[in-house]
Protein backbone atom coordinates (compact mmCIF):
# COMPACT_ATOMS: atom_id res chain seq x y z
CA MET A 1 -18.47 43.02 17.86
CA SER A 2 -21.00 44.36 15.34
CA GLU A 3 -23.99 42.35 14.20
CA PRO A 4 -23.42 40.56 10.86
CA LEU A 5 -26.90 41.52 9.68
CA LEU A 6 -28.54 44.90 10.28
CA ILE A 7 -32.35 44.75 10.43
CA THR A 8 -34.47 47.89 10.21
CA ARG A 9 -38.10 48.71 9.41
CA GLU A 10 -39.67 51.48 7.37
CA GLU A 11 -43.41 50.98 7.77
CA ARG A 12 -44.14 47.77 5.80
CA LEU A 13 -40.64 47.51 4.32
CA LEU A 14 -38.09 45.31 6.08
CA ARG A 15 -34.46 46.16 5.28
CA LEU A 16 -31.79 43.48 5.68
CA ARG A 17 -28.23 44.80 5.34
CA LEU A 18 -25.20 42.50 5.18
CA ASN A 19 -22.76 44.02 7.65
CA ARG A 20 -19.33 42.43 7.28
CA PRO A 21 -17.66 44.97 4.97
CA ALA A 22 -14.13 44.17 6.20
CA LYS A 23 -14.71 40.57 5.03
CA ARG A 24 -16.39 41.65 1.77
CA ASN A 25 -19.66 40.56 3.39
CA ALA A 26 -18.62 36.91 3.23
CA LEU A 27 -21.39 34.60 4.37
CA SER A 28 -20.32 33.34 7.77
CA ARG A 29 -22.36 30.78 9.66
CA ASP A 30 -23.80 33.54 11.86
CA LEU A 31 -24.72 35.72 8.89
CA CYS A 32 -26.39 32.80 7.07
CA ALA A 33 -28.40 31.92 10.16
CA ALA A 34 -29.41 35.55 10.68
CA LEU A 35 -30.61 35.85 7.09
CA VAL A 36 -32.60 32.62 7.22
CA GLY A 37 -34.15 33.65 10.53
CA ALA A 38 -35.09 37.08 9.19
CA PHE A 39 -36.68 35.59 6.08
CA ASP A 40 -38.63 33.08 8.18
CA ASP A 41 -39.87 35.77 10.56
CA ALA A 42 -40.87 38.08 7.70
CA SER A 43 -42.81 35.30 5.99
CA THR A 44 -45.19 35.00 8.93
CA ASP A 45 -45.34 38.70 9.88
CA ALA A 46 -48.43 40.29 8.37
CA SER A 47 -46.97 43.76 8.98
CA VAL A 48 -44.12 43.10 6.53
CA GLY A 49 -45.03 43.73 2.91
CA ALA A 50 -41.61 43.40 1.22
CA ILE A 51 -37.93 42.89 1.97
CA LEU A 52 -34.96 44.92 0.71
CA LEU A 53 -31.65 43.02 0.76
CA GLU A 54 -28.61 45.28 0.64
CA ALA A 55 -25.02 45.41 1.86
CA GLU A 56 -22.65 47.65 3.77
CA GLY A 57 -19.44 48.70 2.02
CA PRO A 58 -18.23 48.52 -1.57
CA VAL A 59 -18.81 44.76 -2.11
CA PHE A 60 -22.24 43.14 -2.00
CA CYS A 61 -21.04 39.64 -1.09
CA ALA A 62 -17.95 37.57 -1.92
CA GLY A 63 -19.57 34.20 -1.13
CA LEU A 64 -19.05 31.81 1.77
CA ASP A 65 -16.50 32.64 4.44
CA LEU A 66 -13.32 30.69 3.64
CA ASP A 67 -12.41 30.69 7.33
CA GLU A 68 -15.35 28.34 7.94
CA ILE A 69 -15.65 26.31 4.76
CA LEU A 70 -13.21 23.62 5.99
CA SER A 71 -14.13 23.90 9.67
CA PRO A 72 -15.42 20.92 11.70
CA GLY A 73 -18.95 22.34 11.60
CA ALA A 74 -19.03 22.68 7.82
CA ALA A 75 -21.14 19.54 7.29
CA ALA A 76 -23.89 20.91 9.50
CA ASP A 77 -23.85 24.17 7.54
CA VAL A 78 -25.04 22.50 4.33
CA ALA A 79 -28.68 22.32 5.46
CA LEU A 80 -28.50 26.00 6.44
CA HIS A 81 -27.07 26.89 3.03
CA ASP A 82 -29.86 24.92 1.34
CA ARG A 83 -32.43 27.09 3.10
CA LEU A 84 -30.59 30.33 2.36
CA PHE A 85 -29.80 29.68 -1.29
CA ASN A 86 -33.37 28.71 -2.05
CA PHE A 87 -35.14 31.54 -0.23
CA GLY A 88 -36.66 32.83 -3.46
CA ARG A 89 -38.91 29.77 -3.53
CA THR A 90 -39.76 29.65 0.17
CA VAL A 91 -39.97 33.19 1.57
CA GLY A 92 -43.53 34.47 1.66
CA LYS A 93 -42.75 38.11 0.81
CA PRO A 94 -41.18 39.69 -2.28
CA VAL A 95 -37.44 40.32 -1.95
CA VAL A 96 -35.63 43.12 -3.78
CA ALA A 97 -31.80 42.99 -3.92
CA ALA A 98 -29.65 46.11 -4.25
CA VAL A 99 -26.28 44.95 -5.55
CA GLN A 100 -22.98 46.79 -5.91
CA GLY A 101 -19.27 46.03 -6.33
CA ALA A 102 -19.29 42.26 -6.70
CA ALA A 103 -21.69 39.40 -6.10
CA LEU A 104 -19.69 36.19 -6.29
CA ALA A 105 -20.47 32.54 -5.56
CA GLY A 106 -23.01 32.55 -2.71
CA GLY A 107 -23.37 36.31 -3.22
CA MET A 108 -24.57 35.75 -6.76
CA ALA A 109 -26.89 33.02 -5.47
CA LEU A 110 -28.56 35.59 -3.22
CA VAL A 111 -29.16 37.79 -6.27
CA ALA A 112 -30.54 34.84 -8.24
CA ASN A 113 -33.06 34.19 -5.47
CA ALA A 114 -34.28 37.79 -5.22
CA HIS A 115 -37.60 38.42 -6.95
CA VAL A 116 -36.31 41.76 -8.23
CA ALA A 117 -32.62 42.74 -8.49
CA VAL A 118 -31.13 46.19 -9.06
CA ALA A 119 -27.40 46.46 -9.83
CA ALA A 120 -25.11 49.45 -9.77
CA GLN A 121 -23.13 50.16 -12.91
CA GLY A 122 -19.77 48.41 -12.64
CA THR A 123 -21.06 45.50 -10.56
CA SER A 124 -19.55 42.10 -11.37
CA PHE A 125 -20.99 38.64 -10.91
CA GLY A 126 -19.73 35.06 -10.98
CA MET A 127 -20.34 31.54 -9.72
CA THR A 128 -16.69 31.13 -8.77
CA GLU A 129 -16.83 28.04 -6.53
CA VAL A 130 -15.10 25.89 -9.15
CA ARG A 131 -11.93 27.87 -8.45
CA LEU A 132 -11.98 26.28 -4.99
CA GLY A 133 -12.42 22.81 -6.42
CA LEU A 134 -16.14 22.82 -5.64
CA PHE A 135 -19.23 22.67 -7.85
CA PRO A 136 -22.04 24.93 -6.51
CA TYR A 137 -24.51 22.10 -5.95
CA VAL A 138 -26.81 23.81 -3.45
CA PRO A 139 -27.31 27.20 -5.18
CA TYR A 140 -27.27 25.74 -8.70
CA ARG A 141 -31.04 25.41 -9.15
CA ALA A 142 -31.69 29.05 -8.22
CA VAL A 143 -29.07 30.21 -10.72
CA GLU A 144 -30.54 27.94 -13.39
CA LEU A 145 -34.01 29.39 -12.85
CA ALA A 146 -32.61 32.91 -13.10
CA VAL A 147 -30.46 32.63 -16.24
CA GLY A 148 -31.48 29.37 -17.94
CA ALA A 149 -30.06 25.86 -17.86
CA ARG A 150 -27.25 26.09 -20.42
CA ARG A 151 -26.06 29.50 -19.21
CA ALA A 152 -26.09 28.36 -15.58
CA LEU A 153 -24.06 25.27 -16.36
CA GLU A 154 -21.49 27.24 -18.34
CA LEU A 155 -21.10 29.82 -15.59
CA CYS A 156 -20.76 27.18 -12.88
CA LEU A 157 -18.27 25.10 -14.87
CA THR A 158 -16.04 27.99 -15.90
CA GLY A 159 -16.36 30.21 -12.83
CA ARG A 160 -15.99 33.24 -15.06
CA VAL A 161 -16.81 36.72 -13.80
CA PHE A 162 -19.14 38.85 -15.91
CA ALA A 163 -20.42 42.40 -15.88
CA ALA A 164 -23.77 44.01 -15.14
CA PRO A 165 -24.88 44.37 -18.79
CA ASP A 166 -24.59 40.59 -19.23
CA ALA A 167 -26.45 40.05 -15.96
CA LEU A 168 -29.25 42.26 -17.29
CA ALA A 169 -29.36 40.53 -20.67
CA TRP A 170 -29.52 37.07 -19.08
CA GLY A 171 -32.20 37.95 -16.52
CA LEU A 172 -30.07 37.77 -13.37
CA VAL A 173 -30.84 41.44 -12.64
CA HIS A 174 -33.76 43.55 -13.80
CA TYR A 175 -32.34 47.07 -13.62
CA ILE A 176 -28.93 48.77 -13.84
CA ALA A 177 -28.50 52.25 -12.42
CA PRO A 178 -25.59 54.59 -11.70
CA ALA A 179 -23.81 53.86 -8.44
CA PHE A 180 -25.14 57.05 -6.85
CA GLU A 181 -28.78 56.07 -7.39
CA PHE A 182 -29.08 52.27 -7.60
CA ASP A 183 -29.93 51.97 -3.90
CA ASP A 184 -32.64 54.62 -4.17
CA LEU A 185 -34.15 52.79 -7.14
CA ALA A 186 -34.13 49.49 -5.26
CA ALA A 187 -35.70 51.14 -2.20
CA THR A 188 -38.41 52.72 -4.37
CA ILE A 189 -39.26 49.37 -5.96
CA ALA A 190 -39.26 47.58 -2.61
CA GLY A 191 -41.35 50.33 -1.03
CA GLY A 192 -43.87 50.06 -3.85
CA LEU A 193 -44.15 46.31 -3.36
CA ALA A 194 -44.53 46.77 0.40
CA ALA A 195 -47.40 49.21 -0.18
CA SER A 196 -49.13 47.01 -2.76
CA SER A 197 -52.02 44.67 -2.09
CA ALA A 198 -50.75 41.86 0.13
CA ASP A 199 -53.42 39.56 -1.31
CA ALA A 200 -52.16 40.15 -4.85
CA VAL A 201 -48.40 40.16 -4.27
CA GLN A 202 -48.17 37.42 -1.65
CA GLY A 203 -50.93 35.47 -3.36
CA GLY A 204 -48.85 35.40 -6.53
CA LEU A 205 -45.86 33.98 -4.65
CA ALA A 206 -48.07 31.38 -2.97
CA PHE A 207 -49.59 30.45 -6.34
CA LEU A 208 -46.15 29.50 -7.66
CA ARG A 209 -45.01 27.59 -4.57
CA PRO A 210 -46.48 24.12 -5.43
CA ARG A 211 -44.65 24.13 -8.75
CA GLN A 212 -41.45 25.26 -7.07
CA GLU A 213 -41.72 22.59 -4.41
CA ALA A 214 -41.49 20.01 -7.17
CA ASP A 215 -37.74 20.70 -6.97
CA ALA A 216 -37.54 19.01 -3.56
CA ASP A 217 -35.79 15.93 -4.96
CA PHE A 218 -33.27 18.11 -6.79
CA ARG A 219 -32.51 20.01 -3.59
CA GLU A 220 -32.02 16.78 -1.65
CA LEU A 221 -29.56 15.49 -4.23
CA ALA A 222 -27.72 18.82 -4.19
CA VAL A 223 -27.36 18.73 -0.40
CA LEU A 224 -25.99 15.17 -0.51
CA ALA A 225 -23.50 16.08 -3.24
CA ARG A 226 -22.36 19.14 -1.30
CA GLN A 227 -21.85 17.11 1.88
CA GLU A 228 -19.80 14.53 -0.01
CA SER A 229 -17.62 17.27 -1.48
CA LEU A 230 -16.49 18.38 1.99
CA ASP A 231 -14.03 15.47 2.01
CA SER A 232 -12.59 16.45 -1.37
CA ALA A 233 -8.82 16.89 -1.46
CA ASP A 234 -9.36 19.36 -4.29
CA LEU A 235 -11.57 21.55 -2.10
CA ILE A 236 -8.95 21.60 0.64
CA GLU A 237 -6.26 22.51 -1.89
CA GLY A 238 -8.50 25.11 -3.52
CA VAL A 239 -9.19 26.94 -0.27
CA HIS A 240 -5.51 26.92 0.71
CA SER A 241 -4.44 28.14 -2.74
CA VAL A 242 -6.83 31.11 -2.58
CA ARG A 243 -5.65 32.02 0.90
CA GLU A 244 -2.01 31.75 -0.19
CA LYS A 245 -2.68 33.59 -3.48
CA ARG A 246 -1.16 30.91 -5.69
CA ALA A 247 -2.29 28.61 -8.46
CA PRO A 248 -3.89 25.39 -7.19
CA ALA A 249 -2.21 22.01 -7.64
CA TRP A 250 -5.31 19.83 -7.87
CA PRO A 251 -4.83 16.40 -6.25
CA SER A 252 -7.39 14.93 -8.65
CA HIS A 253 -4.96 15.55 -11.53
CA ARG A 254 -2.38 13.33 -9.88
CA LEU A 255 -4.97 10.65 -9.11
CA GLY A 256 -6.21 10.33 -12.65
CA GLY A 257 -8.97 12.89 -12.79
CA GLY A 258 -12.07 13.48 -10.78
CA ARG A 259 -15.23 11.48 -10.24
């Protein structure tokens, strides 16, 4: 069985490559843990100057793995997801994301956390959790910081998918390049950051951390809301409807409507 995350080094550049192409690089428990561990290790490794986050295959990341989202261990995964979907505010090194195909739900949250994001032409994005009967509590703050409060709320409420030009206009990504060169552009940017002054680059990230840590209460509330949602009949129906490729029949409609 292949590793879910490929880790390689090029001098001071650490490359992290999502490696579940047959599953559209869905974020399994093992992949989430591997990413969090790699970010933690890089943060304390003085020989790492920058991180390049990329993906194997035609899809960057389709979000959380539906095979695990209703599993008995799902409640314990929430704390792991909180760490992963807030890495932009905790990792001690700059992260560049190279994105192609689609970045949906948790996949888009990874892009929102990256300090620099490069997208291939034709890439699509979306916070699509609402289609499963779930609000994206845990990654919401990162998306809000990337695209603004009103835009983030609209995207998370509607679950609509949008294209790379919109992502560029809203600040989710910083560059768009043709599919044959987007990865080279991302690698060049990440390599430049890795070769830059560690005092300047990492000092800038550290300078912002106290302000970012003021979101601790928000993150705690998001984790609690996400844990409560695991018992939602709508979430169970949403996951089954996606697997069965049919329209959902939300139980909350029959019960008089939501919270």
